[in-house]
N, C-alpha and C. Protein backbone atom coordinates (compact mmCIF):
# COMPACT_ATOMS: atom_id res chain seq x y z
N MET A 1 30.17 31.33 9.84
CA MET A 1 30.11 30.23 8.83
C MET A 1 28.56 29.81 9.06
N THR A 2 27.43 29.98 8.23
CA THR A 2 26.27 29.43 8.37
C THR A 2 26.04 28.18 8.36
N ALA A 3 24.99 27.59 8.96
CA ALA A 3 24.55 25.81 8.97
C ALA A 3 24.83 25.50 7.37
N SER A 4 23.89 26.14 6.33
CA SER A 4 24.26 25.67 4.94
C SER A 4 25.32 25.64 4.57
N ARG A 5 26.34 26.66 4.81
CA ARG A 5 27.76 26.54 4.34
C ARG A 5 28.24 25.30 4.77
N HIS A 6 28.00 25.04 6.19
CA HIS A 6 28.69 23.95 7.00
C HIS A 6 28.30 22.65 6.57
N VAL A 7 27.07 22.22 6.06
CA VAL A 7 26.66 21.15 5.51
C VAL A 7 27.31 21.13 4.06
N GLU A 8 27.31 21.91 3.23
CA GLU A 8 27.90 21.83 2.10
C GLU A 8 29.51 21.54 2.06
N GLN A 9 30.09 21.66 2.90
CA GLN A 9 31.83 21.50 3.12
C GLN A 9 31.83 20.00 3.54
N LEU A 10 30.71 19.69 4.31
CA LEU A 10 30.68 18.25 4.78
C LEU A 10 30.83 17.22 3.75
N PRO A 11 31.57 15.74 3.56
CA PRO A 11 31.46 14.73 2.89
C PRO A 11 30.08 14.63 2.65
N PRO A 12 29.18 13.91 1.47
CA PRO A 12 28.27 13.69 1.20
C PRO A 12 27.67 12.60 2.21
N THR A 13 28.60 11.48 3.05
CA THR A 13 28.02 10.69 3.78
C THR A 13 27.56 11.38 4.90
N ARG A 14 28.13 12.64 5.38
CA ARG A 14 27.83 13.39 6.63
C ARG A 14 26.78 14.52 6.39
N GLN A 15 26.55 14.80 5.18
CA GLN A 15 25.68 15.80 4.77
C GLN A 15 24.42 15.22 5.27
N ALA A 16 24.01 14.00 4.81
CA ALA A 16 22.81 13.18 5.10
C ALA A 16 22.27 13.40 6.73
N GLU A 17 23.50 13.23 7.31
CA GLU A 17 23.21 13.10 8.94
C GLU A 17 22.90 14.49 9.51
N GLN A 18 23.19 15.92 8.85
CA GLN A 18 23.04 16.99 9.43
C GLN A 18 21.35 17.35 8.66
N MET A 19 20.93 16.58 7.85
CA MET A 19 19.75 17.25 7.02
C MET A 19 18.41 17.24 8.33
N ALA A 20 17.73 17.96 8.28
CA ALA A 20 16.62 17.83 8.88
C ALA A 20 15.76 16.86 8.55
N PRO A 21 14.99 15.70 8.98
CA PRO A 21 13.81 15.07 8.78
C PRO A 21 12.99 15.80 7.99
N SER A 22 12.73 14.66 6.83
CA SER A 22 11.76 15.27 5.69
C SER A 22 10.43 14.14 5.57
N THR A 23 10.55 13.48 6.28
CA THR A 23 9.73 12.16 6.05
C THR A 23 9.03 11.72 7.53
N PRO A 24 7.58 11.13 7.44
CA PRO A 24 7.15 10.54 8.79
C PRO A 24 7.87 9.43 9.15
N ALA A 25 8.62 8.71 7.94
CA ALA A 25 9.35 7.48 8.25
C ALA A 25 10.55 7.86 9.17
N VAL A 26 11.07 8.92 8.26
CA VAL A 26 12.38 9.49 9.20
C VAL A 26 12.43 9.90 10.22
N GLU A 27 11.28 10.53 10.96
CA GLU A 27 10.98 10.82 11.77
C GLU A 27 10.77 9.60 13.18
N LEU A 28 10.18 8.80 12.58
CA LEU A 28 9.80 7.61 13.35
C LEU A 28 11.16 6.65 13.32
N PHE A 29 11.94 6.51 12.34
CA PHE A 29 13.42 5.79 12.64
C PHE A 29 14.55 6.45 12.46
N GLY A 30 14.50 7.92 12.55
CA GLY A 30 15.93 8.29 12.43
C GLY A 30 16.21 8.29 11.13
N THR A 31 17.37 9.13 11.15
CA THR A 31 18.15 9.38 9.79
C THR A 31 19.63 8.34 10.12
N ARG A 32 19.68 7.47 10.52
CA ARG A 32 20.55 6.17 10.94
C ARG A 32 21.15 6.10 9.62
N LEU A 33 22.44 5.92 9.35
CA LEU A 33 23.11 5.69 7.91
C LEU A 33 24.37 4.93 8.49
N ARG A 34 24.49 3.96 7.70
CA ARG A 34 25.66 2.89 7.57
C ARG A 34 26.63 2.99 6.46
N SER A 35 27.73 2.94 6.12
CA SER A 35 28.63 2.96 5.49
C SER A 35 29.21 1.50 4.87
N ASP A 36 29.48 0.97 3.84
CA ASP A 36 30.01 -0.13 3.17
C ASP A 36 31.35 0.29 2.97
N VAL A 37 32.09 -1.11 2.40
CA VAL A 37 33.54 -0.83 2.23
C VAL A 37 33.93 0.26 1.75
N ALA A 38 33.10 0.56 0.37
CA ALA A 38 33.67 1.61 -0.22
C ALA A 38 33.40 2.81 0.03
N GLY A 39 32.56 2.91 1.48
CA GLY A 39 32.34 4.39 1.91
C GLY A 39 31.12 5.31 1.50
N ILE A 40 30.16 4.43 0.65
CA ILE A 40 28.78 4.77 0.06
C ILE A 40 27.90 4.64 1.48
N SER A 41 27.41 5.48 1.63
CA SER A 41 26.20 5.59 2.63
C SER A 41 24.73 5.19 1.98
N HIS A 42 24.14 4.13 3.03
CA HIS A 42 23.00 3.67 2.76
C HIS A 42 22.24 3.70 4.21
N ARG A 43 20.75 3.97 3.92
CA ARG A 43 19.90 3.95 5.11
C ARG A 43 19.98 2.69 6.06
N ALA A 44 20.09 2.77 6.98
CA ALA A 44 20.17 1.56 8.01
C ALA A 44 18.62 0.78 7.82
N ALA A 45 18.86 -0.59 8.00
CA ALA A 45 17.24 -1.08 7.73
C ALA A 45 16.41 -0.57 9.17
N PRO A 46 15.27 -0.58 8.82
CA PRO A 46 14.00 0.15 10.06
C PRO A 46 14.23 -0.56 11.21
N ASP A 47 13.86 -0.40 12.34
CA ASP A 47 13.63 -1.38 13.56
C ASP A 47 12.63 -2.40 13.31
N GLU A 48 12.98 -3.51 14.03
CA GLU A 48 12.13 -4.60 14.01
C GLU A 48 10.76 -4.47 14.09
N TRP A 49 9.52 -4.88 13.49
CA TRP A 49 8.36 -4.49 13.08
C TRP A 49 7.76 -4.44 14.54
N ARG A 50 7.09 -3.37 15.16
CA ARG A 50 6.14 -3.53 16.47
C ARG A 50 5.20 -2.41 16.22
N ASP A 51 4.16 -2.71 17.10
CA ASP A 51 2.95 -1.67 16.73
C ASP A 51 3.11 -0.40 17.32
N LEU A 52 3.63 0.50 16.88
CA LEU A 52 3.54 1.74 17.35
C LEU A 52 2.68 2.81 18.03
N ALA A 53 1.40 2.33 17.35
CA ALA A 53 0.13 2.79 17.81
C ALA A 53 -0.83 1.93 18.23
N PRO A 54 -0.99 1.18 19.35
CA PRO A 54 -1.93 0.24 19.55
C PRO A 54 -3.09 0.89 20.14
N GLU A 55 -3.33 1.95 20.23
CA GLU A 55 -4.41 2.54 20.51
C GLU A 55 -5.45 3.11 19.45
N ILE A 56 -4.73 2.92 18.09
CA ILE A 56 -5.61 3.33 16.96
C ILE A 56 -5.48 1.79 15.97
N LEU A 57 -6.80 1.26 15.62
CA LEU A 57 -6.98 -0.14 14.94
C LEU A 57 -6.81 0.19 13.68
N ARG A 58 -5.59 -0.60 13.07
CA ARG A 58 -5.55 -0.89 11.77
C ARG A 58 -5.76 -2.45 11.28
N GLN A 59 -6.31 -2.31 10.16
CA GLN A 59 -6.92 -3.92 9.87
C GLN A 59 -6.27 -3.71 8.44
N ARG A 60 -5.35 -4.94 7.86
CA ARG A 60 -4.94 -4.96 6.65
C ARG A 60 -5.14 -6.37 5.98
N LEU A 61 -5.61 -6.09 4.90
CA LEU A 61 -6.25 -7.68 4.05
C LEU A 61 -5.69 -7.74 2.56
N VAL A 62 -4.74 -8.50 2.28
CA VAL A 62 -4.40 -8.63 0.83
C VAL A 62 -4.81 -9.90 0.13
N MET A 63 -5.63 -9.52 -0.78
CA MET A 63 -6.16 -10.84 -1.61
C MET A 63 -5.82 -10.90 -2.56
N GLU A 64 -5.27 -11.79 -3.26
CA GLU A 64 -4.92 -12.22 -4.91
C GLU A 64 -5.24 -13.52 -5.22
N GLY A 65 -5.85 -13.29 -6.78
CA GLY A 65 -6.64 -14.43 -7.77
C GLY A 65 -6.31 -14.27 -8.99
N VAL A 66 -6.95 -15.55 -9.24
CA VAL A 66 -7.10 -15.52 -10.83
C VAL A 66 -8.44 -15.65 -11.13
N PRO A 67 -8.77 -14.28 -12.04
CA PRO A 67 -10.40 -14.33 -12.45
C PRO A 67 -10.90 -15.12 -13.69
N ALA A 68 -12.10 -15.40 -13.78
CA ALA A 68 -12.50 -16.09 -14.67
C ALA A 68 -12.33 -15.50 -16.23
N ALA A 69 -12.04 -14.02 -16.43
CA ALA A 69 -12.15 -13.79 -17.25
C ALA A 69 -11.68 -12.17 -17.08
N PRO A 70 -10.92 -11.35 -18.09
CA PRO A 70 -10.17 -10.09 -18.09
C PRO A 70 -11.32 -9.07 -16.93
N ILE A 71 -10.51 -8.72 -16.41
CA ILE A 71 -11.11 -7.35 -15.76
C ILE A 71 -10.79 -5.90 -16.14
N GLY A 72 -11.91 -5.14 -16.10
CA GLY A 72 -11.92 -3.97 -17.07
C GLY A 72 -12.40 -2.84 -15.81
N GLU A 73 -12.42 -1.62 -16.37
CA GLU A 73 -12.54 -0.34 -15.85
C GLU A 73 -14.10 -0.13 -15.20
N ALA A 74 -15.13 -1.11 -15.71
CA ALA A 74 -16.58 -0.73 -15.07
C ALA A 74 -16.09 -1.92 -13.84
N GLN A 75 -15.84 -2.93 -14.03
CA GLN A 75 -15.69 -4.21 -13.30
C GLN A 75 -15.17 -3.47 -11.92
N ILE A 76 -13.87 -3.01 -12.17
CA ILE A 76 -13.26 -2.54 -10.90
C ILE A 76 -14.33 -1.63 -10.14
N ARG A 77 -14.59 -0.74 -10.79
CA ARG A 77 -15.27 0.49 -9.87
C ARG A 77 -16.70 -0.22 -9.44
N ARG A 78 -17.33 -1.26 -10.31
CA ARG A 78 -18.45 -2.01 -9.49
C ARG A 78 -17.77 -2.53 -8.07
N TYR A 79 -16.97 -3.34 -8.29
CA TYR A 79 -16.44 -4.11 -7.25
C TYR A 79 -16.09 -3.33 -6.09
N LEU A 80 -15.29 -2.00 -5.96
CA LEU A 80 -14.81 -1.20 -5.12
C LEU A 80 -15.96 -0.66 -4.27
N SER A 81 -17.03 -0.25 -4.84
CA SER A 81 -18.05 0.37 -4.48
C SER A 81 -18.70 -1.02 -3.69
N ALA A 82 -18.94 -2.40 -4.35
CA ALA A 82 -19.72 -3.44 -3.39
C ALA A 82 -19.00 -3.61 -2.51
N LEU A 83 -17.55 -3.74 -2.41
CA LEU A 83 -16.80 -4.29 -1.15
C LEU A 83 -16.93 -2.99 -0.17
N SER A 84 -17.09 -1.83 -0.49
CA SER A 84 -17.72 -0.81 0.54
C SER A 84 -18.84 -1.47 1.21
N ARG A 85 -19.82 -1.62 0.73
CA ARG A 85 -21.04 -2.22 1.55
C ARG A 85 -20.64 -3.51 2.04
N VAL A 86 -20.08 -4.52 1.56
CA VAL A 86 -19.71 -5.64 2.08
C VAL A 86 -18.88 -5.72 3.48
N THR A 87 -18.02 -4.51 3.24
CA THR A 87 -16.84 -4.38 4.37
C THR A 87 -17.78 -3.58 5.72
N ASP A 88 -18.75 -2.85 5.32
CA ASP A 88 -19.61 -1.70 6.17
C ASP A 88 -18.50 -0.51 6.25
N MET A 89 -18.08 -0.26 4.83
CA MET A 89 -17.41 1.07 5.17
C MET A 89 -17.91 2.22 4.38
N VAL A 90 -17.59 3.28 4.78
CA VAL A 90 -18.33 4.54 4.36
C VAL A 90 -17.78 5.29 3.04
N GLN A 91 -18.32 5.13 1.99
CA GLN A 91 -17.58 5.50 0.61
C GLN A 91 -17.63 6.96 0.55
N LEU A 92 -16.49 7.84 0.56
CA LEU A 92 -16.36 9.13 0.32
C LEU A 92 -16.20 9.72 -0.98
N ILE A 93 -15.70 9.06 -1.92
CA ILE A 93 -15.57 9.27 -3.46
C ILE A 93 -15.85 7.91 -4.35
N GLU A 94 -16.41 8.25 -5.28
CA GLU A 94 -16.63 7.25 -6.30
C GLU A 94 -15.14 6.62 -6.59
N PRO A 95 -15.05 5.37 -6.87
CA PRO A 95 -13.93 4.75 -7.20
C PRO A 95 -12.93 5.60 -8.56
N VAL A 96 -11.82 5.59 -8.21
CA VAL A 96 -10.65 6.31 -9.41
C VAL A 96 -10.04 5.10 -9.99
N THR A 97 -10.09 5.01 -11.01
CA THR A 97 -9.21 3.98 -12.06
C THR A 97 -8.11 4.56 -13.16
N HIS A 98 -7.28 3.59 -13.37
CA HIS A 98 -6.18 4.09 -14.35
C HIS A 98 -5.76 2.89 -15.09
N CYS A 99 -5.50 3.10 -16.52
CA CYS A 99 -4.85 1.79 -17.24
C CYS A 99 -3.97 2.12 -17.67
N SER A 100 -2.65 1.42 -17.19
CA SER A 100 -1.10 1.64 -17.73
C SER A 100 -0.91 0.62 -18.83
N ASP A 101 -0.44 1.16 -20.26
CA ASP A 101 -0.23 0.10 -20.86
C ASP A 101 0.88 -1.01 -20.91
N LEU A 102 1.93 -0.79 -19.53
CA LEU A 102 2.52 -1.73 -19.58
C LEU A 102 2.25 -2.75 -18.31
N TYR A 103 1.14 -2.11 -17.61
CA TYR A 103 1.14 -3.05 -16.17
C TYR A 103 -0.61 -3.32 -16.09
N GLY A 104 -1.25 -2.63 -16.56
CA GLY A 104 -3.03 -2.98 -16.74
C GLY A 104 -3.44 -2.14 -15.92
N TRP A 105 -4.64 -2.24 -15.28
CA TRP A 105 -5.59 -1.91 -14.54
C TRP A 105 -5.34 -1.49 -13.22
N ALA A 106 -5.45 -0.27 -12.51
CA ALA A 106 -5.58 0.11 -11.29
C ALA A 106 -6.59 0.71 -10.58
N GLY A 107 -7.33 0.49 -9.17
CA GLY A 107 -8.13 1.32 -8.97
C GLY A 107 -8.08 1.20 -7.29
N TRP A 108 -8.56 2.56 -6.89
CA TRP A 108 -8.60 2.73 -5.48
C TRP A 108 -10.00 3.38 -5.27
N ILE A 109 -10.42 3.28 -3.93
CA ILE A 109 -11.50 3.91 -3.41
C ILE A 109 -11.19 4.46 -1.76
N HIS A 110 -11.74 5.46 -1.56
CA HIS A 110 -11.42 6.43 -0.39
C HIS A 110 -12.54 5.86 0.68
N TRP A 111 -12.37 5.49 1.75
CA TRP A 111 -13.40 5.16 2.50
C TRP A 111 -13.01 6.11 3.88
N GLU A 112 -14.08 6.67 4.63
CA GLU A 112 -13.85 7.19 5.55
C GLU A 112 -13.10 6.52 6.82
N THR A 113 -12.96 5.36 6.80
CA THR A 113 -11.75 4.63 7.49
C THR A 113 -10.51 4.25 6.63
N SER A 114 -10.10 4.92 5.83
CA SER A 114 -8.90 4.46 4.87
C SER A 114 -9.43 4.05 3.61
N GLY A 115 -9.03 2.77 2.93
CA GLY A 115 -9.65 2.58 1.70
C GLY A 115 -8.82 1.49 1.26
N ALA A 116 -8.98 1.09 -0.36
CA ALA A 116 -8.71 -0.13 -0.79
C ALA A 116 -8.07 0.18 -2.09
N HIS A 117 -6.86 -0.63 -2.45
CA HIS A 117 -6.34 -0.75 -3.93
C HIS A 117 -6.71 -1.75 -4.56
N PHE A 118 -6.68 -1.71 -5.87
CA PHE A 118 -7.13 -3.13 -6.73
C PHE A 118 -6.03 -2.84 -8.12
N TYR A 119 -5.50 -4.12 -8.59
CA TYR A 119 -4.64 -4.02 -9.48
C TYR A 119 -5.12 -5.36 -10.18
N ALA A 120 -4.97 -5.08 -11.57
CA ALA A 120 -5.76 -6.44 -12.44
C ALA A 120 -4.52 -6.33 -13.85
N TRP A 121 -4.00 -7.75 -14.00
CA TRP A 121 -3.37 -7.88 -15.12
C TRP A 121 -3.78 -8.85 -16.13
N GLU A 122 -3.69 -8.62 -17.26
CA GLU A 122 -3.82 -9.50 -18.47
C GLU A 122 -2.63 -10.32 -18.82
N LYS A 123 -1.67 -9.66 -18.88
CA LYS A 123 -0.26 -10.18 -19.32
C LYS A 123 0.76 -10.04 -18.07
N PRO A 124 1.69 -11.00 -17.89
CA PRO A 124 1.83 -12.33 -18.30
C PRO A 124 0.77 -13.46 -18.40
N ARG A 125 -0.26 -12.93 -17.49
CA ARG A 125 -1.33 -13.95 -17.02
C ARG A 125 -2.45 -13.04 -16.42
N LEU A 126 -3.70 -13.85 -16.47
CA LEU A 126 -5.06 -12.91 -15.87
C LEU A 126 -4.89 -12.93 -14.25
N PHE A 127 -4.63 -12.02 -13.63
CA PHE A 127 -4.42 -11.91 -12.21
C PHE A 127 -4.87 -10.80 -11.54
N PHE A 128 -5.38 -10.82 -9.96
CA PHE A 128 -5.61 -9.43 -9.69
C PHE A 128 -5.07 -9.55 -8.28
N SER A 129 -4.69 -8.16 -7.66
CA SER A 129 -4.51 -7.98 -6.21
C SER A 129 -5.21 -7.13 -5.66
N VAL A 130 -5.45 -7.16 -4.35
CA VAL A 130 -6.65 -6.12 -3.55
C VAL A 130 -5.82 -6.03 -2.30
N ASP A 131 -5.49 -4.57 -1.79
CA ASP A 131 -5.10 -4.19 -0.60
C ASP A 131 -5.97 -3.39 -0.11
N VAL A 132 -6.49 -3.92 1.20
CA VAL A 132 -7.37 -3.20 1.98
C VAL A 132 -6.67 -2.84 3.22
N TYR A 133 -6.98 -1.58 3.53
CA TYR A 133 -5.96 -0.88 4.75
C TYR A 133 -7.26 -0.23 5.20
N THR A 134 -7.82 -0.48 6.69
CA THR A 134 -8.90 0.14 7.70
C THR A 134 -8.56 0.59 8.91
N CYS A 135 -9.15 1.59 9.27
CA CYS A 135 -9.02 1.78 10.34
C CYS A 135 -10.00 1.44 11.45
N LYS A 136 -11.26 0.36 10.75
CA LYS A 136 -12.53 -0.04 11.40
C LYS A 136 -12.31 -1.44 10.91
N GLY A 137 -12.57 -2.25 12.16
CA GLY A 137 -12.57 -3.72 11.84
C GLY A 137 -13.99 -4.17 10.83
N PHE A 138 -13.54 -5.54 10.02
CA PHE A 138 -14.47 -6.10 9.22
C PHE A 138 -14.19 -7.55 9.23
N ASP A 139 -15.11 -8.30 8.33
CA ASP A 139 -15.09 -9.79 8.66
C ASP A 139 -14.09 -10.04 7.40
N VAL A 140 -13.03 -10.54 7.42
CA VAL A 140 -12.04 -11.30 6.56
C VAL A 140 -12.81 -12.18 5.61
N ASP A 141 -13.40 -12.97 6.31
CA ASP A 141 -13.96 -14.14 5.31
C ASP A 141 -14.90 -13.49 4.66
N THR A 142 -15.74 -12.67 5.05
CA THR A 142 -16.94 -12.08 4.25
C THR A 142 -16.35 -11.78 2.96
N ALA A 143 -15.18 -10.62 3.25
CA ALA A 143 -14.62 -9.81 2.31
C ALA A 143 -13.78 -10.93 1.06
N VAL A 144 -13.37 -11.97 1.48
CA VAL A 144 -12.67 -12.89 0.67
C VAL A 144 -13.63 -13.70 0.08
N ALA A 145 -14.70 -14.17 0.80
CA ALA A 145 -15.78 -15.19 -0.15
C ALA A 145 -16.44 -14.01 -1.31
N PHE A 146 -16.68 -12.66 -1.08
CA PHE A 146 -17.34 -11.96 -1.81
C PHE A 146 -16.36 -11.62 -3.05
N THR A 147 -14.95 -11.04 -2.85
CA THR A 147 -13.90 -11.27 -4.03
C THR A 147 -14.00 -12.63 -4.50
N ARG A 148 -14.12 -13.72 -4.16
CA ARG A 148 -13.98 -14.83 -5.05
C ARG A 148 -15.34 -14.93 -6.00
N ASP A 149 -16.44 -14.80 -5.24
CA ASP A 149 -17.72 -14.94 -6.13
C ASP A 149 -17.71 -13.69 -7.12
N PHE A 150 -17.08 -12.35 -6.77
CA PHE A 150 -17.46 -11.49 -7.81
C PHE A 150 -16.90 -11.61 -9.18
N PHE A 151 -15.39 -12.07 -8.91
CA PHE A 151 -14.67 -12.02 -10.34
C PHE A 151 -14.72 -13.70 -10.82
N ARG A 152 -15.36 -14.51 -9.88
CA ARG A 152 -15.54 -16.14 -10.35
C ARG A 152 -14.28 -16.49 -10.33
N ALA A 153 -13.37 -16.11 -9.17
CA ALA A 153 -12.12 -16.66 -9.37
C ALA A 153 -11.68 -17.69 -8.60
N ASP A 154 -10.63 -18.34 -9.50
CA ASP A 154 -10.04 -19.59 -8.67
C ASP A 154 -8.59 -19.91 -9.12
N PRO A 155 -7.49 -19.79 -7.88
CA PRO A 155 -7.85 -19.57 -6.46
C PRO A 155 -7.67 -18.23 -6.32
N VAL A 156 -8.06 -18.42 -5.27
CA VAL A 156 -8.00 -16.88 -4.15
C VAL A 156 -7.10 -17.27 -3.24
N VAL A 157 -6.03 -16.46 -2.78
CA VAL A 157 -5.21 -16.64 -1.45
C VAL A 157 -5.58 -15.09 -1.01
N ALA A 158 -5.61 -14.88 0.39
CA ALA A 158 -5.55 -13.99 1.34
C ALA A 158 -4.84 -13.79 2.48
N LYS A 159 -4.19 -12.58 2.95
CA LYS A 159 -3.38 -12.59 3.90
C LYS A 159 -4.03 -11.22 4.67
N SER A 160 -4.18 -11.62 5.87
CA SER A 160 -4.96 -10.58 6.95
C SER A 160 -3.81 -10.32 8.31
N PHE A 161 -3.45 -9.08 8.17
CA PHE A 161 -2.67 -8.67 9.62
C PHE A 161 -3.05 -7.45 9.95
């Protein structure tokens, strides 16, 4: 009997245990499964957060705010390019943007040391959210002040980790 035929004959809950890992997360956390009362398998919760690569610098910053006016494509592109300079990141490509009829504008910029995502809504309210992820340190207060000023936003909240 071949391995593939053996997997096919296992109940669905056991088949997943026999599959090879297919994503980095599965490789890190394993394929641990648990069954609820009905016997339906669910992936177990990941391990408690800890730094798995302390030798690799990673800095994250989430900023959210209420802009003074709706935000469009040109403004997102200018903001992401300017944020590159403010945080001293090397910009590899021009910012990419997309507008969803359901969710509004999104933008992304690729830096040599990672990048940033930007999201803007007009409905149900004026609102923006920026996710910065880098492998190079930067000054959080400078990035937040720049974002507040650029969009004339009030309030702006931020979380760095």
